[in-house]
Amino acid sequence: MTKKKTSWVRTPSIEIDEEIKVALHTDRITLRPPSRKKIDRVLSGNSSAKEKILLYFDSLAYTNITTDREEYLTEEETEYVCSVYLSSKKTVFIKEVALFFKGFTIFKDSIKSTEHRVELISAYIKESLRETVLIRQVLEDINQITYNYIPEENREEALKSIHTQAFYSMYGAKLTKNGSEVYLDVDPNKVKKEVEEAIKQLIGKVEEFKLFRDLFETITDKRLPLPSIRQYVKNCSNKVEETYSEITKGLNLFNRLLIASGEQPLVLPTYESIKSEEITPEDIESIKEIGR
């Protein structure tokens, strides 16, 4: 759809602080820009300079966060709101917005890298749990084949031979005797300690992420009221919660093996129960100071 032309005068050679103009480009995500109706309302003469400047900063955040971009502002519109910013940048509120925006661009990669760390630890946990459950299924098939096709007097020797193979021992295979019966089973304790430690690391990273989330939710409430940043933080938050929740199913299967072996099951606290440190005014001010 072609936008109607405006009567705004182009402002040549507008220079802006590079810290504001250039935001971080790592691992972008898809966001939604404001509706054209809302943009046109802010660009009209009836809106305040503050609204126009916030639109300018939000367009910067949007452009430098998302990849699959819809058009937000035209070049002419960008120059217009930029000129409003330059004429008002000495006001206290606008100074703070600029500083908090710079602080966000600095911390943006930290937010995303913490999300990635949650994904990596979760992937390790899920793979460890999956491998243990799968090897148990393989061993059950081996036991069945052994009892169907190998004479009773040769079964133990055959199972011992399989058990000594590095592939099976690596995944916790164990030779078990129950009276006259001999069979292969899996020892979940082989990976329990590693998974338990990974869960502790995961909880720590979720706490760290929630600290970032709570901090920027607080800042974007009044100090940096930019919808694109709110969307970004919300998008990352949803991804972290989804990643964390995906572990539950595999852990339930793994815990059945632990219980069957007489061991205590591993405990994964609910996502909601994991709390970050309380956000203080000093935390908020520190983001502003980082933007200086």
C-alpha atoms as a PDB file:
ATOM      1  CA  MET A   1       0.000   0.000   0.000  1.00  0.00           C
ATOM      2  CA  THR A   2       1.452   3.394  -1.038  1.00  0.00           C
ATOM      3  CA  LYS A   3       1.604   5.923   1.732  1.00  0.00           C
ATOM      4  CA  LYS A   4       0.277   9.405   1.175  1.00  0.00           C
ATOM      5  CA  LYS A   5       2.951  12.046   0.863  1.00  0.00           C
ATOM      6  CA  THR A   6       3.370  14.583   3.613  1.00  0.00           C
ATOM      7  CA  SER A   7       4.345  18.202   3.551  1.00  0.00           C
ATOM      8  CA  TRP A   8       7.204  17.806   6.018  1.00  0.00           C
ATOM      9  CA  VAL A   9      10.441  19.410   4.979  1.00  0.00           C
ATOM     10  CA  ARG A  10      13.399  17.086   4.751  1.00  0.00           C
ATOM     11  CA  THR A  11      16.158  17.787   7.243  1.00  0.00           C
ATOM     12  CA  PRO A  12      19.500  17.229   5.510  1.00  0.00           C
ATOM     13  CA  SER A  13      22.492  15.603   7.202  1.00  0.00           C
ATOM     14  CA  ILE A  14      20.879  14.846  10.533  1.00  0.00           C
ATOM     15  CA  GLU A  15      23.527  13.325  12.799  1.00  0.00           C
ATOM     16  CA  ILE A  16      22.596  11.156  15.750  1.00  0.00           C
ATOM     17  CA  ASP A  17      24.738   9.564  18.477  1.00  0.00           C
ATOM     18  CA  GLU A  18      26.066   6.290  17.095  1.00  0.00           C
ATOM     19  CA  GLU A  19      25.163   4.508  20.341  1.00  0.00           C
ATOM     20  CA  ILE A  20      21.505   5.272  19.638  1.00  0.00           C
ATOM     21  CA  LYS A  21      21.566   4.974  15.866  1.00  0.00           C
ATOM     22  CA  VAL A  22      23.335   1.611  15.730  1.00  0.00           C
ATOM     23  CA  ALA A  23      21.745  -1.137  17.854  1.00  0.00           C
ATOM     24  CA  LEU A  24      22.829  -4.747  18.200  1.00  0.00           C
ATOM     25  CA  HIS A  25      22.116  -7.154  15.357  1.00  0.00           C
ATOM     26  CA  THR A  26      22.713 -10.561  16.922  1.00  0.00           C
ATOM     27  CA  ASP A  27      19.981 -13.179  16.676  1.00  0.00           C
ATOM     28  CA  ARG A  28      17.048 -10.991  15.757  1.00  0.00           C
ATOM     29  CA  ILE A  29      13.431 -11.987  16.175  1.00  0.00           C
ATOM     30  CA  THR A  30      10.136 -11.086  14.544  1.00  0.00           C
ATOM     31  CA  LEU A  31       8.096  -8.271  16.066  1.00  0.00           C
ATOM     32  CA  ARG A  32       4.936  -6.471  15.065  1.00  0.00           C
ATOM     33  CA  PRO A  33       5.099  -2.720  14.356  1.00  0.00           C
ATOM     34  CA  PRO A  34       2.267  -0.435  15.495  1.00  0.00           C
ATOM     35  CA  SER A  35      -0.756  -0.154  13.234  1.00  0.00           C
ATOM     36  CA  ARG A  36      -0.633   2.449  10.486  1.00  0.00           C
ATOM     37  CA  LYS A  37      -3.560   4.164  12.155  1.00  0.00           C
ATOM     38  CA  LYS A  38      -1.599   4.597  15.391  1.00  0.00           C
ATOM     39  CA  ILE A  39       1.508   5.795  13.557  1.00  0.00           C
ATOM     40  CA  ASP A  40      -0.480   8.374  11.610  1.00  0.00           C
ATOM     41  CA  ARG A  41      -2.107   9.608  14.812  1.00  0.00           C
ATOM     42  CA  VAL A  42       1.276  10.160  16.468  1.00  0.00           C
ATOM     43  CA  LEU A  43       2.685  11.851  13.374  1.00  0.00           C
ATOM     44  CA  SER A  44      -0.231  14.259  13.222  1.00  0.00           C
ATOM     45  CA  GLY A  45      -0.043  17.751  14.646  1.00  0.00           C
ATOM     46  CA  ASN A  46      -2.363  16.822  17.515  1.00  0.00           C
ATOM     47  CA  SER A  47       0.148  14.558  19.287  1.00  0.00           C
ATOM     48  CA  SER A  48       2.824  15.784  21.669  1.00  0.00           C
ATOM     49  CA  ALA A  49       6.542  15.996  20.963  1.00  0.00           C
ATOM     50  CA  LYS A  50       7.035  13.316  23.611  1.00  0.00           C
ATOM     51  CA  GLU A  51       4.824  10.872  21.673  1.00  0.00           C
ATOM     52  CA  LYS A  52       6.710  11.575  18.447  1.00  0.00           C
ATOM     53  CA  ILE A  53      10.082  11.044  20.114  1.00  0.00           C
ATOM     54  CA  LEU A  54       8.938   7.779  21.678  1.00  0.00           C
ATOM     55  CA  LEU A  55       7.762   6.697  18.224  1.00  0.00           C
ATOM     56  CA  TYR A  56      11.222   7.525  16.898  1.00  0.00           C
ATOM     57  CA  PHE A  57      12.976   5.423  19.543  1.00  0.00           C
ATOM     58  CA  ASP A  58      10.513   2.594  19.134  1.00  0.00           C
ATOM     59  CA  SER A  59      11.175   2.541  15.385  1.00  0.00           C
ATOM     60  CA  LEU A  60      14.911   2.301  16.124  1.00  0.00           C
ATOM     61  CA  ALA A  61      14.321  -0.595  18.516  1.00  0.00           C
ATOM     62  CA  TYR A  62      12.028  -2.344  16.043  1.00  0.00           C
ATOM     63  CA  THR A  63      14.385  -1.941  13.093  1.00  0.00           C
ATOM     64  CA  ASN A  64      17.355  -3.295  15.002  1.00  0.00           C
ATOM     65  CA  ILE A  65      15.628  -6.225  16.687  1.00  0.00           C
ATOM     66  CA  THR A  66      13.462  -7.818  14.028  1.00  0.00           C
ATOM     67  CA  THR A  67      14.378  -9.473  10.732  1.00  0.00           C
ATOM     68  CA  ASP A  68      11.085 -10.067   8.901  1.00  0.00           C
ATOM     69  CA  ARG A  69      10.272  -6.394   8.843  1.00  0.00           C
ATOM     70  CA  GLU A  70       7.080  -4.737   7.855  1.00  0.00           C
ATOM     71  CA  GLU A  71       7.556  -1.107   6.981  1.00  0.00           C
ATOM     72  CA  TYR A  72       7.408   0.993  10.132  1.00  0.00           C
ATOM     73  CA  LEU A  73       8.302   4.569   9.170  1.00  0.00           C
ATOM     74  CA  THR A  74       9.189   5.943   5.780  1.00  0.00           C
ATOM     75  CA  GLU A  75      12.493   7.728   5.378  1.00  0.00           C
ATOM     76  CA  GLU A  76      10.685  11.061   5.421  1.00  0.00           C
ATOM     77  CA  GLU A  77       8.762  10.145   8.567  1.00  0.00           C
ATOM     78  CA  THR A  78      11.959   9.005  10.263  1.00  0.00           C
ATOM     79  CA  GLU A  79      13.684  12.278   9.477  1.00  0.00           C
ATOM     80  CA  TYR A  80      10.689  14.186  10.828  1.00  0.00           C
ATOM     81  CA  VAL A  81      10.525  12.413  14.205  1.00  0.00           C
ATOM     82  CA  CYS A  82      14.310  12.534  14.389  1.00  0.00           C
ATOM     83  CA  SER A  83      14.201  16.319  13.987  1.00  0.00           C
ATOM     84  CA  VAL A  84      11.658  16.495  16.821  1.00  0.00           C
ATOM     85  CA  TYR A  85      14.037  14.438  18.950  1.00  0.00           C
ATOM     86  CA  LEU A  86      17.017  16.670  18.170  1.00  0.00           C
ATOM     87  CA  SER A  87      15.076  19.791  19.072  1.00  0.00           C
ATOM     88  CA  SER A  88      13.944  18.295  22.389  1.00  0.00           C
ATOM     89  CA  LYS A  89      16.868  16.087  23.434  1.00  0.00           C
ATOM     90  CA  LYS A  90      17.900  18.378  26.293  1.00  0.00           C
ATOM     91  CA  THR A  91      14.717  17.807  28.292  1.00  0.00           C
ATOM     92  CA  VAL A  92      15.097  15.532  31.345  1.00  0.00           C
ATOM     93  CA  PHE A  93      12.622  12.909  30.115  1.00  0.00           C
ATOM     94  CA  ILE A  94      14.171  12.629  26.644  1.00  0.00           C
ATOM     95  CA  LYS A  95      17.680  12.445  28.116  1.00  0.00           C
ATOM     96  CA  GLU A  96      16.532   9.539  30.270  1.00  0.00           C
ATOM     97  CA  VAL A  97      14.869   7.775  27.351  1.00  0.00           C
ATOM     98  CA  ALA A  98      18.095   8.049  25.348  1.00  0.00           C
ATOM     99  CA  LEU A  99      20.189   6.707  28.232  1.00  0.00           C
ATOM    100  CA  PHE A 100      17.839   3.818  28.971  1.00  0.00           C
ATOM    101  CA  PHE A 101      17.695   2.995  25.258  1.00  0.00           C
ATOM    102  CA  LYS A 102      21.478   2.815  25.104  1.00  0.00           C
ATOM    103  CA  GLY A 103      21.411   0.640  28.222  1.00  0.00           C
ATOM    104  CA  PHE A 104      18.965  -1.709  26.530  1.00  0.00           C
ATOM    105  CA  THR A 105      21.121  -2.039  23.404  1.00  0.00           C
ATOM    106  CA  ILE A 106      24.049  -2.981  25.645  1.00  0.00           C
ATOM    107  CA  PHE A 107      22.040  -5.544  27.627  1.00  0.00           C
ATOM    108  CA  LYS A 108      20.052  -6.876  24.683  1.00  0.00           C
ATOM    109  CA  ASP A 109      22.629  -9.531  23.846  1.00  0.00           C
ATOM    110  CA  SER A 110      22.858 -10.527  27.512  1.00  0.00           C
ATOM    111  CA  ILE A 111      19.111 -11.174  27.547  1.00  0.00           C
ATOM    112  CA  LYS A 112      19.337 -13.284  24.406  1.00  0.00           C
ATOM    113  CA  SER A 113      22.488 -15.138  25.443  1.00  0.00           C
ATOM    114  CA  THR A 114      20.855 -16.074  28.758  1.00  0.00           C
ATOM    115  CA  GLU A 115      17.879 -17.413  26.810  1.00  0.00           C
ATOM    116  CA  HIS A 116      20.297 -19.423  24.650  1.00  0.00           C
ATOM    117  CA  ARG A 117      22.043 -20.799  27.721  1.00  0.00           C
ATOM    118  CA  VAL A 118      18.690 -22.030  29.029  1.00  0.00           C
ATOM    119  CA  GLU A 119      18.130 -23.740  25.671  1.00  0.00           C
ATOM    120  CA  LEU A 120      21.576 -25.381  25.671  1.00  0.00           C
ATOM    121  CA  ILE A 121      21.304 -26.734  29.217  1.00  0.00           C
ATOM    122  CA  SER A 122      17.760 -27.916  28.535  1.00  0.00           C
ATOM    123  CA  ALA A 123      18.907 -29.684  25.373  1.00  0.00           C
ATOM    124  CA  TYR A 124      21.656 -31.466  27.340  1.00  0.00           C
ATOM    125  CA  ILE A 125      19.170 -32.584  29.996  1.00  0.00           C
ATOM    126  CA  LYS A 126      16.606 -33.764  27.453  1.00  0.00           C
ATOM    127  CA  GLU A 127      19.209 -35.687  25.462  1.00  0.00           C
ATOM    128  CA  SER A 128      20.618 -37.361  28.583  1.00  0.00           C
ATOM    129  CA  LEU A 129      17.147 -38.409  29.701  1.00  0.00           C
ATOM    130  CA  ARG A 130      16.187 -39.551  26.204  1.00  0.00           C
ATOM    131  CA  GLU A 131      19.320 -41.650  25.762  1.00  0.00           C
ATOM    132  CA  THR A 132      18.755 -43.436  29.085  1.00  0.00           C
ATOM    133  CA  VAL A 133      15.133 -44.243  28.276  1.00  0.00           C
ATOM    134  CA  LEU A 134      16.015 -45.377  24.733  1.00  0.00           C
ATOM    135  CA  ILE A 135      18.895 -47.618  25.835  1.00  0.00           C
ATOM    136  CA  ARG A 136      16.541 -49.294  28.281  1.00  0.00           C
ATOM    137  CA  GLN A 137      14.165 -50.070  25.408  1.00  0.00           C
ATOM    138  CA  VAL A 138      17.096 -51.488  23.395  1.00  0.00           C
ATOM    139  CA  LEU A 139      18.160 -53.660  26.335  1.00  0.00           C
ATOM    140  CA  GLU A 140      14.620 -54.969  26.750  1.00  0.00           C
ATOM    141  CA  ASP A 141      14.663 -56.030  23.090  1.00  0.00           C
ATOM    142  CA  ILE A 142      18.046 -57.728  23.581  1.00  0.00           C
ATOM    143  CA  ASN A 143      16.731 -59.590  26.627  1.00  0.00           C
ATOM    144  CA  GLN A 144      13.712 -60.783  24.662  1.00  0.00           C
ATOM    145  CA  ILE A 145      15.822 -61.971  21.722  1.00  0.00           C
ATOM    146  CA  THR A 146      18.230 -63.711  24.093  1.00  0.00           C
ATOM    147  CA  TYR A 147      15.460 -65.614  25.864  1.00  0.00           C
ATOM    148  CA  ASN A 148      13.798 -66.538  22.578  1.00  0.00           C
ATOM    149  CA  TYR A 149      16.842 -67.739  20.657  1.00  0.00           C
ATOM    150  CA  ILE A 150      19.718 -68.608  23.023  1.00  0.00           C
ATOM    151  CA  PRO A 151      19.709 -71.744  25.157  1.00  0.00           C
ATOM    152  CA  GLU A 152      19.360 -71.150  28.896  1.00  0.00           C
ATOM    153  CA  GLU A 153      22.876 -72.402  29.702  1.00  0.00           C
ATOM    154  CA  ASN A 154      24.408 -69.864  27.280  1.00  0.00           C
ATOM    155  CA  ARG A 155      22.280 -66.811  28.090  1.00  0.00           C
ATOM    156  CA  GLU A 156      24.363 -65.382  30.901  1.00  0.00           C
ATOM    157  CA  GLU A 157      27.567 -65.585  28.885  1.00  0.00           C
ATOM    158  CA  ALA A 158      25.870 -63.952  25.890  1.00  0.00           C
ATOM    159  CA  LEU A 159      24.472 -61.110  27.993  1.00  0.00           C
ATOM    160  CA  LYS A 160      27.834 -60.609  29.703  1.00  0.00           C
ATOM    161  CA  SER A 161      29.455 -60.268  26.303  1.00  0.00           C
ATOM    162  CA  ILE A 162      26.962 -57.596  25.284  1.00  0.00           C
ATOM    163  CA  HIS A 163      27.312 -55.816  28.615  1.00  0.00           C
ATOM    164  CA  THR A 164      31.067 -55.412  28.246  1.00  0.00           C
ATOM    165  CA  GLN A 165      30.701 -53.512  24.984  1.00  0.00           C
ATOM    166  CA  ALA A 166      31.617 -49.851  25.488  1.00  0.00           C
ATOM    167  CA  PHE A 167      28.460 -48.598  23.788  1.00  0.00           C
ATOM    168  CA  TYR A 168      26.199 -50.163  26.402  1.00  0.00           C
ATOM    169  CA  SER A 169      28.347 -49.463  29.443  1.00  0.00           C
ATOM    170  CA  MET A 170      28.602 -45.833  28.392  1.00  0.00           C
ATOM    171  CA  TYR A 171      24.834 -45.473  28.716  1.00  0.00           C
ATOM    172  CA  GLY A 172      24.574 -47.249  32.045  1.00  0.00           C
ATOM    173  CA  ALA A 173      23.754 -50.830  31.011  1.00  0.00           C
ATOM    174  CA  LYS A 174      24.051 -53.293  33.896  1.00  0.00           C
ATOM    175  CA  LEU A 175      23.854 -57.067  34.162  1.00  0.00           C
ATOM    176  CA  THR A 176      21.241 -58.072  36.729  1.00  0.00           C
ATOM    177  CA  LYS A 177      20.556 -61.412  38.359  1.00  0.00           C
ATOM    178  CA  ASN A 178      17.218 -62.208  39.934  1.00  0.00           C
ATOM    179  CA  GLY A 179      17.275 -65.796  41.115  1.00  0.00           C
ATOM    180  CA  SER A 180      17.914 -67.914  38.062  1.00  0.00           C
ATOM    181  CA  GLU A 181      17.071 -65.076  35.703  1.00  0.00           C
ATOM    182  CA  VAL A 182      19.798 -62.985  34.144  1.00  0.00           C
ATOM    183  CA  TYR A 183      19.018 -59.874  32.117  1.00  0.00           C
ATOM    184  CA  LEU A 184      20.335 -56.516  31.058  1.00  0.00           C
ATOM    185  CA  ASP A 185      18.892 -53.381  32.554  1.00  0.00           C
ATOM    186  CA  VAL A 186      19.835 -49.717  32.642  1.00  0.00           C
ATOM    187  CA  ASP A 187      21.308 -47.961  35.645  1.00  0.00           C
ATOM    188  CA  PRO A 188      19.818 -44.438  35.720  1.00  0.00           C
ATOM    189  CA  ASN A 189      22.370 -43.447  38.356  1.00  0.00           C
ATOM    190  CA  LYS A 190      24.932 -43.398  35.541  1.00  0.00           C
ATOM    191  CA  VAL A 191      23.631 -39.978  34.481  1.00  0.00           C
ATOM    192  CA  LYS A 192      21.601 -38.944  37.533  1.00  0.00           C
ATOM    193  CA  LYS A 193      24.358 -36.828  39.076  1.00  0.00           C
ATOM    194  CA  GLU A 194      25.106 -35.036  35.795  1.00  0.00           C
ATOM    195  CA  VAL A 195      21.413 -34.350  35.155  1.00  0.00           C
ATOM    196  CA  GLU A 196      20.935 -33.159  38.725  1.00  0.00           C
ATOM    197  CA  GLU A 197      23.823 -30.730  38.352  1.00  0.00           C
ATOM    198  CA  ALA A 198      22.487 -29.548  34.977  1.00  0.00           C
ATOM    199  CA  ILE A 199      19.094 -28.874  36.546  1.00  0.00           C
ATOM    200  CA  LYS A 200      20.770 -26.684  39.180  1.00  0.00           C
ATOM    201  CA  GLN A 201      22.550 -24.755  36.428  1.00  0.00           C
ATOM    202  CA  LEU A 202      19.295 -24.449  34.509  1.00  0.00           C
ATOM    203  CA  ILE A 203      17.441 -23.024  37.506  1.00  0.00           C
ATOM    204  CA  GLY A 204      20.269 -20.522  37.997  1.00  0.00           C
ATOM    205  CA  LYS A 205      20.028 -19.377  34.373  1.00  0.00           C
ATOM    206  CA  VAL A 206      16.235 -19.067  34.585  1.00  0.00           C
ATOM    207  CA  GLU A 207      16.689 -16.906  37.696  1.00  0.00           C
ATOM    208  CA  GLU A 208      19.205 -14.793  35.777  1.00  0.00           C
ATOM    209  CA  PHE A 209      16.853 -14.452  32.823  1.00  0.00           C
ATOM    210  CA  LYS A 210      13.926 -13.500  35.052  1.00  0.00           C
ATOM    211  CA  LEU A 211      16.091 -10.767  36.570  1.00  0.00           C
ATOM    212  CA  PHE A 212      16.615  -9.289  33.089  1.00  0.00           C
ATOM    213  CA  ARG A 213      12.924  -9.740  32.288  1.00  0.00           C
ATOM    214  CA  ASP A 214      11.697  -8.107  35.486  1.00  0.00           C
ATOM    215  CA  LEU A 215      14.215  -5.299  35.154  1.00  0.00           C
ATOM    216  CA  PHE A 216      13.199  -4.326  31.636  1.00  0.00           C
ATOM    217  CA  GLU A 217       9.503  -4.853  32.309  1.00  0.00           C
ATOM    218  CA  THR A 218       9.897  -2.326  35.111  1.00  0.00           C
ATOM    219  CA  ILE A 219      11.914   0.094  32.981  1.00  0.00           C
ATOM    220  CA  THR A 220       9.569  -0.082  29.989  1.00  0.00           C
ATOM    221  CA  ASP A 221       6.584   0.594  32.221  1.00  0.00           C
ATOM    222  CA  LYS A 222       7.416   4.308  32.553  1.00  0.00           C
ATOM    223  CA  ARG A 223      11.080   5.078  31.984  1.00  0.00           C
ATOM    224  CA  LEU A 224      11.421   3.555  28.500  1.00  0.00           C
ATOM    225  CA  PRO A 225       7.830   2.975  27.297  1.00  0.00           C
ATOM    226  CA  LEU A 226       8.657   1.363  23.941  1.00  0.00           C
ATOM    227  CA  PRO A 227       6.307  -1.412  22.677  1.00  0.00           C
ATOM    228  CA  SER A 228       9.024  -3.038  20.537  1.00  0.00           C
ATOM    229  CA  ILE A 229      11.265  -3.593  23.562  1.00  0.00           C
ATOM    230  CA  ARG A 230       8.320  -4.948  25.551  1.00  0.00           C
ATOM    231  CA  GLN A 231       7.599  -7.359  22.681  1.00  0.00           C
ATOM    232  CA  TYR A 232      11.239  -8.407  22.551  1.00  0.00           C
ATOM    233  CA  VAL A 233      11.417  -9.182  26.270  1.00  0.00           C
ATOM    234  CA  LYS A 234       8.049 -10.973  26.139  1.00  0.00           C
ATOM    235  CA  ASN A 235       9.154 -13.036  23.142  1.00  0.00           C
ATOM    236  CA  CYS A 236      12.339 -14.135  24.929  1.00  0.00           C
ATOM    237  CA  SER A 237      10.381 -14.847  28.118  1.00  0.00           C
ATOM    238  CA  ASN A 238       7.883 -17.074  26.303  1.00  0.00           C
ATOM    239  CA  LYS A 239      10.739 -18.989  24.682  1.00  0.00           C
ATOM    240  CA  VAL A 240      12.505 -19.577  28.009  1.00  0.00           C
ATOM    241  CA  GLU A 241       9.304 -20.783  29.686  1.00  0.00           C
ATOM    242  CA  GLU A 242       8.485 -23.109  26.770  1.00  0.00           C
ATOM    243  CA  THR A 243      12.028 -24.526  26.727  1.00  0.00           C
ATOM    244  CA  TYR A 244      11.984 -25.143  30.479  1.00  0.00           C
ATOM    245  CA  SER A 245       8.584 -26.833  30.386  1.00  0.00           C
ATOM    246  CA  GLU A 246       9.671 -29.258  27.643  1.00  0.00           C
ATOM    247  CA  ILE A 247      11.907 -31.097  30.128  1.00  0.00           C
ATOM    248  CA  THR A 248       9.017 -32.328  32.280  1.00  0.00           C
ATOM    249  CA  LYS A 249       7.890 -35.250  30.113  1.00  0.00           C
ATOM    250  CA  GLY A 250      11.372 -36.758  29.753  1.00  0.00           C
ATOM    251  CA  LEU A 251      12.068 -36.281  33.440  1.00  0.00           C
ATOM    252  CA  ASN A 252       8.897 -38.156  34.389  1.00  0.00           C
ATOM    253  CA  LEU A 253      10.031 -41.200  32.349  1.00  0.00           C
ATOM    254  CA  PHE A 254      13.524 -41.003  33.816  1.00  0.00           C
ATOM    255  CA  ASN A 255      12.137 -40.771  37.352  1.00  0.00           C
ATOM    256  CA  ARG A 256      10.236 -44.009  36.831  1.00  0.00           C
ATOM    257  CA  LEU A 257      13.568 -45.725  36.204  1.00  0.00           C
ATOM    258  CA  LEU A 258      15.055 -44.154  39.317  1.00  0.00           C
ATOM    259  CA  ILE A 259      12.130 -45.246  41.469  1.00  0.00           C
ATOM    260  CA  ALA A 260      12.303 -48.776  40.017  1.00  0.00           C
ATOM    261  CA  SER A 261      15.988 -48.822  41.024  1.00  0.00           C
ATOM    262  CA  GLY A 262      15.111 -47.737  44.551  1.00  0.00           C
ATOM    263  CA  GLU A 263      16.431 -44.213  44.051  1.00  0.00           C
ATOM    264  CA  GLN A 264      14.818 -40.880  44.850  1.00  0.00           C
ATOM    265  CA  PRO A 265      13.375 -39.097  41.792  1.00  0.00           C
ATOM    266  CA  LEU A 266      14.811 -35.831  40.544  1.00  0.00           C
ATOM    267  CA  VAL A 267      12.762 -32.721  41.279  1.00  0.00           C
ATOM    268  CA  LEU A 268      12.217 -29.963  38.735  1.00  0.00           C
ATOM    269  CA  PRO A 269      10.518 -26.932  40.294  1.00  0.00           C
ATOM    270  CA  THR A 270       7.737 -25.290  38.328  1.00  0.00           C
ATOM    271  CA  TYR A 271       8.747 -22.358  36.154  1.00  0.00           C
ATOM    272  CA  GLU A 272       6.465 -20.062  38.126  1.00  0.00           C
ATOM    273  CA  SER A 273       8.120 -20.976  41.420  1.00  0.00           C
ATOM    274  CA  ILE A 274      11.564 -19.814  40.265  1.00  0.00           C
ATOM    275  CA  LYS A 275      12.042 -16.250  41.469  1.00  0.00           C
ATOM    276  CA  SER A 276      14.674 -13.686  40.619  1.00  0.00           C
ATOM    277  CA  GLU A 277      16.098 -11.135  42.989  1.00  0.00           C
ATOM    278  CA  GLU A 278      13.872  -8.186  43.743  1.00  0.00           C
ATOM    279  CA  ILE A 279      14.402  -5.227  41.413  1.00  0.00           C
ATOM    280  CA  THR A 280      15.629  -2.167  43.293  1.00  0.00           C
ATOM    281  CA  PRO A 281      15.736   1.518  42.278  1.00  0.00           C
ATOM    282  CA  GLU A 282      19.520   1.127  42.196  1.00  0.00           C
ATOM    283  CA  ASP A 283      19.202  -1.618  39.574  1.00  0.00           C
ATOM    284  CA  ILE A 284      17.129   0.675  37.391  1.00  0.00           C
ATOM    285  CA  GLU A 285      19.548   3.565  37.786  1.00  0.00           C
ATOM    286  CA  SER A 286      22.453   1.286  36.897  1.00  0.00           C
ATOM    287  CA  ILE A 287      20.951   0.674  33.443  1.00  0.00           C
ATOM    288  CA  LYS A 288      20.735   4.416  32.912  1.00  0.00           C
ATOM    289  CA  GLU A 289      24.323   4.901  34.055  1.00  0.00           C
ATOM    290  CA  ILE A 290      25.519   2.192  31.658  1.00  0.00           C
ATOM    291  CA  GLY A 291      23.902   4.200  28.851  1.00  0.00           C
ATOM    292  CA  ARG A 292      25.994   7.283  29.558  1.00  0.00           C
END
